[in-house]
Amino acid sequence: MNATQNGELVEAKTRLTNAQADMKEFQYAVLRKEYVKRDDVSRTWTEQAGRVRSRLLSLPVRLAGMLAGAEYAAPEIEGITQKLVNEALSELAEDYAEQEEK
């Protein structure tokens, strides 16, 4: 084996050792739950987006029921709307906290 081949062999072994070390570090990080599967993230975000969408779409119906036949001033309507938005956000935060516990 000549010097060039010997140098290439050393470089190849070094790359292999580094790759193996990187893989072990990654495996330990997964065990420490520092990484999650892409599918899990995608599913969770899809579920959360669905919850947000559902709650936001329910606001007009809820407001119409509350305000039908009543005369409210702009500040009262704003207060009612803010209350409903805050409720929706609180529900979403609770859902998120429940998901984190799983």
PDB file of N, CA and C in Angstrom:
ATOM      1  N   MET A   1       0.864  -1.178   0.000  1.00  0.00           N
ATOM      2  CA  MET A   1       0.000   0.000   0.000  1.00  0.00           C
ATOM      3  C   MET A   1       0.901   1.230   0.000  1.00  0.00           C
ATOM      4  N   ASN A   2       0.638   2.138  -0.918  1.00  0.00           N
ATOM      5  CA  ASN A   2       1.468   3.341  -0.988  1.00  0.00           C
ATOM      6  C   ASN A   2       0.912   4.425  -0.060  1.00  0.00           C
ATOM      7  N   ALA A   3       1.606   5.513   0.032  1.00  0.00           N
ATOM      8  CA  ALA A   3       1.251   6.599   0.958  1.00  0.00           C
ATOM      9  C   ALA A   3      -0.104   7.207   0.609  1.00  0.00           C
ATOM     10  N   THR A   4      -0.406   7.333  -0.686  1.00  0.00           N
ATOM     11  CA  THR A   4      -1.687   7.906  -1.105  1.00  0.00           C
ATOM     12  C   THR A   4      -2.841   7.017  -0.661  1.00  0.00           C
ATOM     13  N   GLN A   5      -2.672   5.715  -0.903  1.00  0.00           N
ATOM     14  CA  GLN A   5      -3.713   4.776  -0.502  1.00  0.00           C
ATOM     15  C   GLN A   5      -3.863   4.753   1.017  1.00  0.00           C
ATOM     16  N   ASN A   6      -2.766   4.817   1.730  1.00  0.00           N
ATOM     17  CA  ASN A   6      -2.794   4.826   3.187  1.00  0.00           C
ATOM     18  C   ASN A   6      -3.527   6.080   3.695  1.00  0.00           C
ATOM     19  N   GLY A   7      -3.254   7.231   3.079  1.00  0.00           N
ATOM     20  CA  GLY A   7      -3.924   8.481   3.460  1.00  0.00           C
ATOM     21  C   GLY A   7      -5.411   8.423   3.185  1.00  0.00           C
ATOM     22  N   GLU A   8      -5.777   7.818   2.054  1.00  0.00           N
ATOM     23  CA  GLU A   8      -7.197   7.688   1.710  1.00  0.00           C
ATOM     24  C   GLU A   8      -7.899   6.749   2.687  1.00  0.00           C
ATOM     25  N   LEU A   9      -7.225   5.682   3.082  1.00  0.00           N
ATOM     26  CA  LEU A   9      -7.793   4.743   4.040  1.00  0.00           C
ATOM     27  C   LEU A   9      -8.013   5.427   5.394  1.00  0.00           C
ATOM     28  N   VAL A  10      -7.058   6.212   5.821  1.00  0.00           N
ATOM     29  CA  VAL A  10      -7.182   6.947   7.089  1.00  0.00           C
ATOM     30  C   VAL A  10      -8.360   7.919   7.002  1.00  0.00           C
ATOM     31  N   GLU A  11      -8.488   8.631   5.878  1.00  0.00           N
ATOM     32  CA  GLU A  11      -9.604   9.575   5.696  1.00  0.00           C
ATOM     33  C   GLU A  11     -10.938   8.845   5.717  1.00  0.00           C
ATOM     34  N   ALA A  12     -11.004   7.693   5.059  1.00  0.00           N
ATOM     35  CA  ALA A  12     -12.244   6.918   5.024  1.00  0.00           C
ATOM     36  C   ALA A  12     -12.614   6.443   6.428  1.00  0.00           C
ATOM     37  N   LYS A  13     -11.642   5.959   7.177  1.00  0.00           N
ATOM     38  CA  LYS A  13     -11.898   5.504   8.544  1.00  0.00           C
ATOM     39  C   LYS A  13     -12.342   6.668   9.433  1.00  0.00           C
ATOM     40  N   THR A  14     -11.745   7.830   9.221  1.00  0.00           N
ATOM     41  CA  THR A  14     -12.117   9.020   9.998  1.00  0.00           C
ATOM     42  C   THR A  14     -13.564   9.414   9.695  1.00  0.00           C
ATOM     43  N   ARG A  15     -13.928   9.404   8.401  1.00  0.00           N
ATOM     44  CA  ARG A  15     -15.315   9.731   8.020  1.00  0.00           C
ATOM     45  C   ARG A  15     -16.290   8.732   8.632  1.00  0.00           C
ATOM     46  N   LEU A  16     -15.921   7.446   8.597  1.00  0.00           N
ATOM     47  CA  LEU A  16     -16.784   6.411   9.174  1.00  0.00           C
ATOM     48  C   LEU A  16     -16.941   6.620  10.675  1.00  0.00           C
ATOM     49  N   THR A  17     -15.855   6.877  11.357  1.00  0.00           N
ATOM     50  CA  THR A  17     -15.907   7.104  12.804  1.00  0.00           C
ATOM     51  C   THR A  17     -16.760   8.323  13.126  1.00  0.00           C
ATOM     52  N   ASN A  18     -16.600   9.391  12.376  1.00  0.00           N
ATOM     53  CA  ASN A  18     -17.405  10.603  12.591  1.00  0.00           C
ATOM     54  C   ASN A  18     -18.878  10.334  12.330  1.00  0.00           C
ATOM     55  N   ALA A  19     -19.171   9.599  11.266  1.00  0.00           N
ATOM     56  CA  ALA A  19     -20.566   9.278  10.937  1.00  0.00           C
ATOM     57  C   ALA A  19     -21.187   8.420  12.039  1.00  0.00           C
ATOM     58  N   GLN A  20     -20.445   7.462  12.543  1.00  0.00           N
ATOM     59  CA  GLN A  20     -20.955   6.621  13.621  1.00  0.00           C
ATOM     60  C   GLN A  20     -21.195   7.435  14.888  1.00  0.00           C
ATOM     61  N   ALA A  21     -20.298   8.350  15.182  1.00  0.00           N
ATOM     62  CA  ALA A  21     -20.471   9.211  16.358  1.00  0.00           C
ATOM     63  C   ALA A  21     -21.695  10.110  16.188  1.00  0.00           C
ATOM     64  N   ASP A  22     -21.856  10.672  14.994  1.00  0.00           N
ATOM     65  CA  ASP A  22     -23.031  11.508  14.721  1.00  0.00           C
ATOM     66  C   ASP A  22     -24.322  10.708  14.892  1.00  0.00           C
ATOM     67  N   MET A  23     -24.331   9.475  14.414  1.00  0.00           N
ATOM     68  CA  MET A  23     -25.517   8.631  14.524  1.00  0.00           C
ATOM     69  C   MET A  23     -25.838   8.338  15.986  1.00  0.00           C
ATOM     70  N   LYS A  24     -24.829   8.042  16.775  1.00  0.00           N
ATOM     71  CA  LYS A  24     -25.060   7.791  18.206  1.00  0.00           C
ATOM     72  C   LYS A  24     -25.604   9.031  18.902  1.00  0.00           C
ATOM     73  N   GLU A  25     -25.053  10.191  18.590  1.00  0.00           N
ATOM     74  CA  GLU A  25     -25.545  11.432  19.180  1.00  0.00           C
ATOM     75  C   GLU A  25     -27.004  11.663  18.809  1.00  0.00           C
ATOM     76  N   PHE A  26     -27.336  11.397  17.558  1.00  0.00           N
ATOM     77  CA  PHE A  26     -28.718  11.546  17.114  1.00  0.00           C
ATOM     78  C   PHE A  26     -29.624  10.564  17.854  1.00  0.00           C
ATOM     79  N   GLN A  27     -29.205   9.322  17.974  1.00  0.00           N
ATOM     80  CA  GLN A  27     -30.014   8.320  18.666  1.00  0.00           C
ATOM     81  C   GLN A  27     -30.259   8.727  20.120  1.00  0.00           C
ATOM     82  N   TYR A  28     -29.240   9.236  20.786  1.00  0.00           N
ATOM     83  CA  TYR A  28     -29.405   9.693  22.162  1.00  0.00           C
ATOM     84  C   TYR A  28     -30.338  10.903  22.239  1.00  0.00           C
ATOM     85  N   ALA A  29     -30.227  11.778  21.275  1.00  0.00           N
ATOM     86  CA  ALA A  29     -31.121  12.947  21.241  1.00  0.00           C
ATOM     87  C   ALA A  29     -32.571  12.509  21.060  1.00  0.00           C
ATOM     88  N   VAL A  30     -32.798  11.499  20.236  1.00  0.00           N
ATOM     89  CA  VAL A  30     -34.152  10.966  20.048  1.00  0.00           C
ATOM     90  C   VAL A  30     -34.647  10.376  21.363  1.00  0.00           C
ATOM     91  N   LEU A  31     -33.809   9.626  22.047  1.00  0.00           N
ATOM     92  CA  LEU A  31     -34.199   9.046  23.338  1.00  0.00           C
ATOM     93  C   LEU A  31     -34.531  10.119  24.368  1.00  0.00           C
ATOM     94  N   ARG A  32     -33.831  11.252  24.298  1.00  0.00           N
ATOM     95  CA  ARG A  32     -34.104  12.373  25.210  1.00  0.00           C
ATOM     96  C   ARG A  32     -35.295  13.204  24.740  1.00  0.00           C
ATOM     97  N   LYS A  33     -35.914  12.760  23.650  1.00  0.00           N
ATOM     98  CA  LYS A  33     -37.097  13.420  23.069  1.00  0.00           C
ATOM     99  C   LYS A  33     -36.789  14.834  22.599  1.00  0.00           C
ATOM    100  N   GLU A  34     -35.577  15.025  22.092  1.00  0.00           N
ATOM    101  CA  GLU A  34     -35.211  16.307  21.513  1.00  0.00           C
ATOM    102  C   GLU A  34     -35.616  16.376  20.045  1.00  0.00           C
ATOM    103  N   TYR A  35     -35.951  15.240  19.481  1.00  0.00           N
ATOM    104  CA  TYR A  35     -36.426  15.165  18.098  1.00  0.00           C
ATOM    105  C   TYR A  35     -37.744  14.429  18.085  1.00  0.00           C
ATOM    106  N   VAL A  36     -38.600  14.810  17.165  1.00  0.00           N
ATOM    107  CA  VAL A  36     -39.870  14.114  16.993  1.00  0.00           C
ATOM    108  C   VAL A  36     -40.039  13.765  15.520  1.00  0.00           C
ATOM    109  N   LYS A  37     -40.915  12.817  15.268  1.00  0.00           N
ATOM    110  CA  LYS A  37     -41.151  12.402  13.894  1.00  0.00           C
ATOM    111  C   LYS A  37     -41.918  13.491  13.145  1.00  0.00           C
ATOM    112  N   ARG A  38     -41.540  13.676  11.912  1.00  0.00           N
ATOM    113  CA  ARG A  38     -42.182  14.678  11.065  1.00  0.00           C
ATOM    114  C   ARG A  38     -43.691  14.423  10.965  1.00  0.00           C
ATOM    115  N   ASP A  39     -44.084  13.163  10.851  1.00  0.00           N
ATOM    116  CA  ASP A  39     -45.505  12.825  10.752  1.00  0.00           C
ATOM    117  C   ASP A  39     -46.263  13.229  12.010  1.00  0.00           C
ATOM    118  N   ASP A  40     -45.621  13.073  13.176  1.00  0.00           N
ATOM    119  CA  ASP A  40     -46.271  13.468  14.432  1.00  0.00           C
ATOM    120  C   ASP A  40     -46.485  14.977  14.480  1.00  0.00           C
ATOM    121  N   VAL A  41     -45.484  15.718  14.050  1.00  0.00           N
ATOM    122  CA  VAL A  41     -45.596  17.182  14.032  1.00  0.00           C
ATOM    123  C   VAL A  41     -46.692  17.609  13.060  1.00  0.00           C
ATOM    124  N   SER A  42     -46.684  17.014  11.890  1.00  0.00           N
ATOM    125  CA  SER A  42     -47.677  17.359  10.874  1.00  0.00           C
ATOM    126  C   SER A  42     -49.091  17.063  11.367  1.00  0.00           C
ATOM    127  N   ARG A  43     -49.281  15.891  11.975  1.00  0.00           N
ATOM    128  CA  ARG A  43     -50.610  15.511  12.472  1.00  0.00           C
ATOM    129  C   ARG A  43     -51.063  16.465  13.575  1.00  0.00           C
ATOM    130  N   THR A  44     -50.162  16.793  14.494  1.00  0.00           N
ATOM    131  CA  THR A  44     -50.518  17.687  15.595  1.00  0.00           C
ATOM    132  C   THR A  44     -50.902  19.072  15.075  1.00  0.00           C
ATOM    133  N   TRP A  45     -50.107  19.611  14.150  1.00  0.00           N
ATOM    134  CA  TRP A  45     -50.422  20.931  13.608  1.00  0.00           C
ATOM    135  C   TRP A  45     -51.714  20.916  12.811  1.00  0.00           C
ATOM    136  N   THR A  46     -51.975  19.835  12.098  1.00  0.00           N
ATOM    137  CA  THR A  46     -53.219  19.732  11.342  1.00  0.00           C
ATOM    138  C   THR A  46     -54.403  19.722  12.297  1.00  0.00           C
ATOM    139  N   GLU A  47     -54.269  18.957  13.382  1.00  0.00           N
ATOM    140  CA  GLU A  47     -55.343  18.916  14.381  1.00  0.00           C
ATOM    141  C   GLU A  47     -55.564  20.294  15.008  1.00  0.00           C
ATOM    142  N   GLN A  48     -54.474  20.962  15.368  1.00  0.00           N
ATOM    143  CA  GLN A  48     -54.590  22.279  15.992  1.00  0.00           C
ATOM    144  C   GLN A  48     -55.216  23.286  15.030  1.00  0.00           C
ATOM    145  N   ALA A  49     -54.789  23.246  13.777  1.00  0.00           N
ATOM    146  CA  ALA A  49     -55.359  24.168  12.787  1.00  0.00           C
ATOM    147  C   ALA A  49     -56.855  23.914  12.623  1.00  0.00           C
ATOM    148  N   GLY A  50     -57.246  22.661  12.668  1.00  0.00           N
ATOM    149  CA  GLY A  50     -58.674  22.326  12.582  1.00  0.00           C
ATOM    150  C   GLY A  50     -59.453  22.874  13.758  1.00  0.00           C
ATOM    151  N   ARG A  51     -58.848  22.791  14.951  1.00  0.00           N
ATOM    152  CA  ARG A  51     -59.521  23.329  16.138  1.00  0.00           C
ATOM    153  C   ARG A  51     -59.659  24.851  16.041  1.00  0.00           C
ATOM    154  N   VAL A  52     -58.596  25.511  15.615  1.00  0.00           N
ATOM    155  CA  VAL A  52     -58.633  26.974  15.459  1.00  0.00           C
ATOM    156  C   VAL A  52     -59.717  27.354  14.460  1.00  0.00           C
ATOM    157  N   ARG A  53     -59.714  26.673  13.323  1.00  0.00           N
ATOM    158  CA  ARG A  53     -60.697  26.956  12.276  1.00  0.00           C
ATOM    159  C   ARG A  53     -62.124  26.776  12.805  1.00  0.00           C
ATOM    160  N   SER A  54     -62.358  25.675  13.483  1.00  0.00           N
ATOM    161  CA  SER A  54     -63.689  25.382  14.014  1.00  0.00           C
ATOM    162  C   SER A  54     -64.147  26.448  14.998  1.00  0.00           C
ATOM    163  N   ARG A  55     -63.260  26.833  15.892  1.00  0.00           N
ATOM    164  CA  ARG A  55     -63.651  27.823  16.892  1.00  0.00           C
ATOM    165  C   ARG A  55     -63.869  29.202  16.280  1.00  0.00           C
ATOM    166  N   LEU A  56     -63.043  29.553  15.327  1.00  0.00           N
ATOM    167  CA  LEU A  56     -63.226  30.852  14.682  1.00  0.00           C
ATOM    168  C   LEU A  56     -64.509  30.873  13.849  1.00  0.00           C
ATOM    169  N   LEU A  57     -64.797  29.764  13.183  1.00  0.00           N
ATOM    170  CA  LEU A  57     -66.029  29.708  12.390  1.00  0.00           C
ATOM    171  C   LEU A  57     -67.280  29.740  13.262  1.00  0.00           C
ATOM    172  N   SER A  58     -67.151  29.329  14.516  1.00  0.00           N
ATOM    173  CA  SER A  58     -68.316  29.340  15.406  1.00  0.00           C
ATOM    174  C   SER A  58     -68.622  30.730  15.952  1.00  0.00           C
ATOM    175  N   LEU A  59     -67.676  31.659  15.867  1.00  0.00           N
ATOM    176  CA  LEU A  59     -67.883  32.992  16.439  1.00  0.00           C
ATOM    177  C   LEU A  59     -69.076  33.729  15.832  1.00  0.00           C
ATOM    178  N   PRO A  60     -69.245  33.773  14.502  1.00  0.00           N
ATOM    179  CA  PRO A  60     -70.398  34.495  13.965  1.00  0.00           C
ATOM    180  C   PRO A  60     -71.734  33.936  14.440  1.00  0.00           C
ATOM    181  N   VAL A  61     -71.835  32.620  14.513  1.00  0.00           N
ATOM    182  CA  VAL A  61     -73.088  31.999  14.964  1.00  0.00           C
ATOM    183  C   VAL A  61     -73.345  32.352  16.424  1.00  0.00           C
ATOM    184  N   ARG A  62     -72.314  32.270  17.226  1.00  0.00           N
ATOM    185  CA  ARG A  62     -72.476  32.586  18.644  1.00  0.00           C
ATOM    186  C   ARG A  62     -72.829  34.058  18.835  1.00  0.00           C
ATOM    187  N   LEU A  63     -72.169  34.917  18.083  1.00  0.00           N
ATOM    188  CA  LEU A  63     -72.461  36.349  18.190  1.00  0.00           C
ATOM    189  C   LEU A  63     -73.871  36.664  17.720  1.00  0.00           C
ATOM    190  N   ALA A  64     -74.286  36.053  16.619  1.00  0.00           N
ATOM    191  CA  ALA A  64     -75.629  36.311  16.099  1.00  0.00           C
ATOM    192  C   ALA A  64     -76.674  35.930  17.136  1.00  0.00           C
ATOM    193  N   GLY A  65     -76.472  34.802  17.797  1.00  0.00           N
ATOM    194  CA  GLY A  65     -77.412  34.380  18.833  1.00  0.00           C
ATOM    195  C   GLY A  65     -77.444  35.329  20.011  1.00  0.00           C
ATOM    196  N   MET A  66     -76.305  35.881  20.343  1.00  0.00           N
ATOM    197  CA  MET A  66     -76.234  36.787  21.485  1.00  0.00           C
ATOM    198  C   MET A  66     -76.782  38.173  21.159  1.00  0.00           C
ATOM    199  N   LEU A  67     -76.592  38.593  19.915  1.00  0.00           N
ATOM    200  CA  LEU A  67     -76.921  39.977  19.570  1.00  0.00           C
ATOM    201  C   LEU A  67     -78.249  40.129  18.825  1.00  0.00           C
ATOM    202  N   ALA A  68     -78.867  39.013  18.447  1.00  0.00           N
ATOM    203  CA  ALA A  68     -80.118  39.079  17.669  1.00  0.00           C
ATOM    204  C   ALA A  68     -81.196  39.824  18.461  1.00  0.00           C
ATOM    205  N   GLY A  69     -81.809  40.798  17.818  1.00  0.00           N
ATOM    206  CA  GLY A  69     -82.907  41.544  18.416  1.00  0.00           C
ATOM    207  C   GLY A  69     -82.484  42.518  19.503  1.00  0.00           C
ATOM    208  N   ALA A  70     -81.224  42.624  19.749  1.00  0.00           N
ATOM    209  CA  ALA A  70     -80.766  43.530  20.796  1.00  0.00           C
ATOM    210  C   ALA A  70     -80.018  44.688  20.152  1.00  0.00           C
ATOM    211  N   GLU A  71     -80.045  45.752  20.829  1.00  0.00           N
ATOM    212  CA  GLU A  71     -79.305  46.907  20.335  1.00  0.00           C
ATOM    213  C   GLU A  71     -78.122  47.147  21.261  1.00  0.00           C
ATOM    214  N   TYR A  72     -76.964  46.948  20.713  1.00  0.00           N
ATOM    215  CA  TYR A  72     -75.746  47.128  21.478  1.00  0.00           C
ATOM    216  C   TYR A  72     -74.934  48.257  20.873  1.00  0.00           C
ATOM    217  N   ALA A  73     -74.255  48.974  21.712  1.00  0.00           N
ATOM    218  CA  ALA A  73     -73.331  50.003  21.250  1.00  0.00           C
ATOM    219  C   ALA A  73     -72.024  49.314  20.842  1.00  0.00           C
ATOM    220  N   ALA A  74     -71.243  49.997  20.037  1.00  0.00           N
ATOM    221  CA  ALA A  74     -69.986  49.426  19.538  1.00  0.00           C
ATOM    222  C   ALA A  74     -69.086  48.901  20.665  1.00  0.00           C
ATOM    223  N   PRO A  75     -68.933  49.626  21.772  1.00  0.00           N
ATOM    224  CA  PRO A  75     -68.071  49.101  22.841  1.00  0.00           C
ATOM    225  C   PRO A  75     -68.592  47.780  23.425  1.00  0.00           C
ATOM    226  N   GLU A  76     -69.916  47.649  23.503  1.00  0.00           N
ATOM    227  CA  GLU A  76     -70.477  46.403  24.030  1.00  0.00           C
ATOM    228  C   GLU A  76     -70.224  45.241  23.061  1.00  0.00           C
ATOM    229  N   ILE A  77     -70.401  45.508  21.777  1.00  0.00           N
ATOM    230  CA  ILE A  77     -70.143  44.477  20.767  1.00  0.00           C
ATOM    231  C   ILE A  77     -68.671  44.077  20.800  1.00  0.00           C
ATOM    232  N   GLU A  78     -67.819  45.079  20.924  1.00  0.00           N
ATOM    233  CA  GLU A  78     -66.383  44.793  21.001  1.00  0.00           C
ATOM    234  C   GLU A  78     -66.072  43.932  22.227  1.00  0.00           C
ATOM    235  N   GLY A  79     -66.685  44.263  23.353  1.00  0.00           N
ATOM    236  CA  GLY A  79     -66.464  43.499  24.580  1.00  0.00           C
ATOM    237  C   GLY A  79     -66.939  42.063  24.445  1.00  0.00           C
ATOM    238  N   ILE A  80     -68.112  41.884  23.848  1.00  0.00           N
ATOM    239  CA  ILE A  80     -68.643  40.530  23.647  1.00  0.00           C
ATOM    240  C   ILE A  80     -67.736  39.748  22.710  1.00  0.00           C
ATOM    241  N   THR A  81     -67.331  40.387  21.625  1.00  0.00           N
ATOM    242  CA  THR A  81     -66.446  39.723  20.665  1.00  0.00           C
ATOM    243  C   THR A  81     -65.124  39.349  21.320  1.00  0.00           C
ATOM    244  N   GLN A  82     -64.565  40.275  22.087  1.00  0.00           N
ATOM    245  CA  GLN A  82     -63.290  40.001  22.758  1.00  0.00           C
ATOM    246  C   GLN A  82     -63.432  38.844  23.724  1.00  0.00           C
ATOM    247  N   LYS A  83     -64.547  38.793  24.432  1.00  0.00           N
ATOM    248  CA  LYS A  83     -64.789  37.695  25.377  1.00  0.00           C
ATOM    249  C   LYS A  83     -64.811  36.356  24.639  1.00  0.00           C
ATOM    250  N   LEU A  84     -65.489  36.302  23.512  1.00  0.00           N
ATOM    251  CA  LEU A  84     -65.571  35.046  22.756  1.00  0.00           C
ATOM    252  C   LEU A  84     -64.213  34.644  22.179  1.00  0.00           C
ATOM    253  N   VAL A  85     -63.466  35.622  21.712  1.00  0.00           N
ATOM    254  CA  VAL A  85     -62.132  35.323  21.187  1.00  0.00           C
ATOM    255  C   VAL A  85     -61.243  34.803  22.320  1.00  0.00           C
ATOM    256  N   ASN A  86     -61.315  35.451  23.478  1.00  0.00           N
ATOM    257  CA  ASN A  86     -60.524  34.994  24.627  1.00  0.00           C
ATOM    258  C   ASN A  86     -60.914  33.579  25.053  1.00  0.00           C
ATOM    259  N   GLU A  87     -62.209  33.277  25.018  1.00  0.00           N
ATOM    260  CA  GLU A  87     -62.664  31.924  25.346  1.00  0.00           C
ATOM    261  C   GLU A  87     -62.084  30.915  24.361  1.00  0.00           C
ATOM    262  N   ALA A  88     -62.146  31.258  23.065  1.00  0.00           N
ATOM    263  CA  ALA A  88     -61.608  30.355  22.047  1.00  0.00           C
ATOM    264  C   ALA A  88     -60.113  30.140  22.259  1.00  0.00           C
ATOM    265  N   LEU A  89     -59.386  31.212  22.546  1.00  0.00           N
ATOM    266  CA  LEU A  89     -57.948  31.089  22.775  1.00  0.00           C
ATOM    267  C   LEU A  89     -57.649  30.267  24.032  1.00  0.00           C
ATOM    268  N   SER A  90     -58.440  30.437  25.063  1.00  0.00           N
ATOM    269  CA  SER A  90     -58.248  29.651  26.290  1.00  0.00           C
ATOM    270  C   SER A  90     -58.489  28.173  26.028  1.00  0.00           C
ATOM    271  N   GLU A  91     -59.536  27.866  25.264  1.00  0.00           N
ATOM    272  CA  GLU A  91     -59.821  26.472  24.916  1.00  0.00           C
ATOM    273  C   GLU A  91     -58.671  25.875  24.113  1.00  0.00           C
ATOM    274  N   LEU A  92     -58.143  26.655  23.183  1.00  0.00           N
ATOM    275  CA  LEU A  92     -57.013  26.173  22.385  1.00  0.00           C
ATOM    276  C   LEU A  92     -55.781  25.950  23.253  1.00  0.00           C
ATOM    277  N   ALA A  93     -55.556  26.839  24.215  1.00  0.00           N
ATOM    278  CA  ALA A  93     -54.414  26.679  25.119  1.00  0.00           C
ATOM    279  C   ALA A  93     -54.585  25.423  25.973  1.00  0.00           C
ATOM    280  N   GLU A  94     -55.806  25.162  26.420  1.00  0.00           N
ATOM    281  CA  GLU A  94     -56.072  23.946  27.192  1.00  0.00           C
ATOM    282  C   GLU A  94     -55.834  22.713  26.330  1.00  0.00           C
ATOM    283  N   ASP A  95     -56.302  22.748  25.089  1.00  0.00           N
ATOM    284  CA  ASP A  95     -56.076  21.624  24.170  1.00  0.00           C
ATOM    285  C   ASP A  95     -54.590  21.397  23.989  1.00  0.00           C
ATOM    286  N   TYR A  96     -53.834  22.471  23.830  1.00  0.00           N
ATOM    287  CA  TYR A  96     -52.386  22.370  23.633  1.00  0.00           C
ATOM    288  C   TYR A  96     -51.737  21.748  24.873  1.00  0.00           C
ATOM    289  N   ALA A  97     -52.150  22.190  26.046  1.00  0.00           N
ATOM    290  CA  ALA A  97     -51.581  21.661  27.285  1.00  0.00           C
ATOM    291  C   ALA A  97     -51.875  20.169  27.418  1.00  0.00           C
ATOM    292  N   GLU A  98     -53.080  19.761  27.040  1.00  0.00           N
ATOM    293  CA  GLU A  98     -53.429  18.341  27.076  1.00  0.00           C
ATOM    294  C   GLU A  98     -52.564  17.542  26.110  1.00  0.00           C
ATOM    295  N   GLN A  99     -52.314  18.098  24.928  1.00  0.00           N
ATOM    296  CA  GLN A  99     -51.475  17.417  23.942  1.00  0.00           C
ATOM    297  C   GLN A  99     -50.043  17.279  24.444  1.00  0.00           C
ATOM    298  N   GLU A 100     -49.554  18.290  25.149  1.00  0.00           N
ATOM    299  CA  GLU A 100     -48.190  18.267  25.664  1.00  0.00           C
ATOM    300  C   GLU A 100     -48.032  17.188  26.729  1.00  0.00           C
ATOM    301  N   GLU A 101     -49.099  16.904  27.464  1.00  0.00           N
ATOM    302  CA  GLU A 101     -49.034  15.901  28.524  1.00  0.00           C
ATOM    303  C   GLU A 101     -48.958  14.486  27.961  1.00  0.00           C
ATOM    304  N   LYS A 102     -49.398  14.304  26.727  1.00  0.00           N
ATOM    305  CA  LYS A 102     -49.418  12.968  26.126  1.00  0.00           C
ATOM    306  C   LYS A 102     -48.071  12.495  25.710  1.00  0.00           C
TER     307      LYS A 102
END
